Amino acid sequence: MNYRHAYHAGNHADVLKHVVLARLMEHMKKKDKPFRVIDAHAGIGLYDLAGIEAGKTGEWEGGIGKLAQPFSAEIEALLAPYRAVIAALNPQGGLRYYPGSPELALRLMRANDRLVANELHPEDAIALEQQYLYDPRCEVTALDAETCLKAKLPPPERRGVILVDPPYEVKTEAEKTLRMLAHGVRRFAQGVFVVWYPLKADATAETVLAGVKELGVPATLKVQMRVREAFSGGGLAGSGLIILNTPWTLDTELKALVPALAERLGIGSWGQAEVSWLNSPT
């Protein structure tokens, strides 16, 4: 496994994923009962945008770097939890440190909520463990993502968010993601599953969307943001999230929020957003 998220931290795909995750955390906290977040591809948790890796690509400049100026009051209210985490990480102002999904989850969850942060890459797994060694709410594992979900589902709390965010480095990764998801839904039918997928000039998105739709889970929401045209060899043109068992009213929030992000992050006229039901609520 060669993928290192440090090169891509804070890019447009991270912004979409983390803004949605922050909204999900707020919805989960509406009930007093504790919940668990299982992050199957956790990375290292916290990223230095002034570091060597981020500096080599500069991808964050086309993502979180474009969010300095405020949006409308409505959009800023929805962004507030996400913005609060970033502000807490950068107390001197400016933007140097960016949260990965484990950091975002931990900073937004309560004392009795729990996180399983899993990362397969050996060096990143060590960094992840060191980052959260002293947080009793966090368990760090270094397993294959599929093995992790088999071992950790269902969670003891019987409430949870499961984040599946593979790099799609190899051709079989879409099929593996669908297999993981099908198994996860069988073990934890009421869980809120979130699957990230890339928008490129290939069939990955179509494969993932078709496979998830076939699962037939009610309240399955498709969230897409495209920032530029996709062309062969052109890399990531946008990304999408599929949310299974979408919390009530989250779709309404995202129908306002994602188009605003797409307009800000899009290059030229390519800021496009779609929020629609893949499988409707029952």
Foldseek 3Di string as FASTA:
>chain_A
DPDACLLQPQAAQQQVVLLLVLLVLVLVVVDVQAEEEEELAFFLFKYFCPDPNVVVRVRNCLGVVLPPDDDDPLQCVSCVLVVVLQCVVVVVDDGTMGGTPVSSNVVSHDLPYAYEGEHQDVVRLVSNCVVCVPRPRYHYYHDNSLVVLVVCPPPPSLEYEYEAEDPCPDVCVLVVVLVSVLVNCVRRVQYKYKYKDFDAPDCSVVSNLVSVLVSQAAPWKKKWWFQDDHDVPPPGRTMIMIIGNDDPPSLVSRVVHQLVSLVSSHDDPGTDIDIDHSHHHD
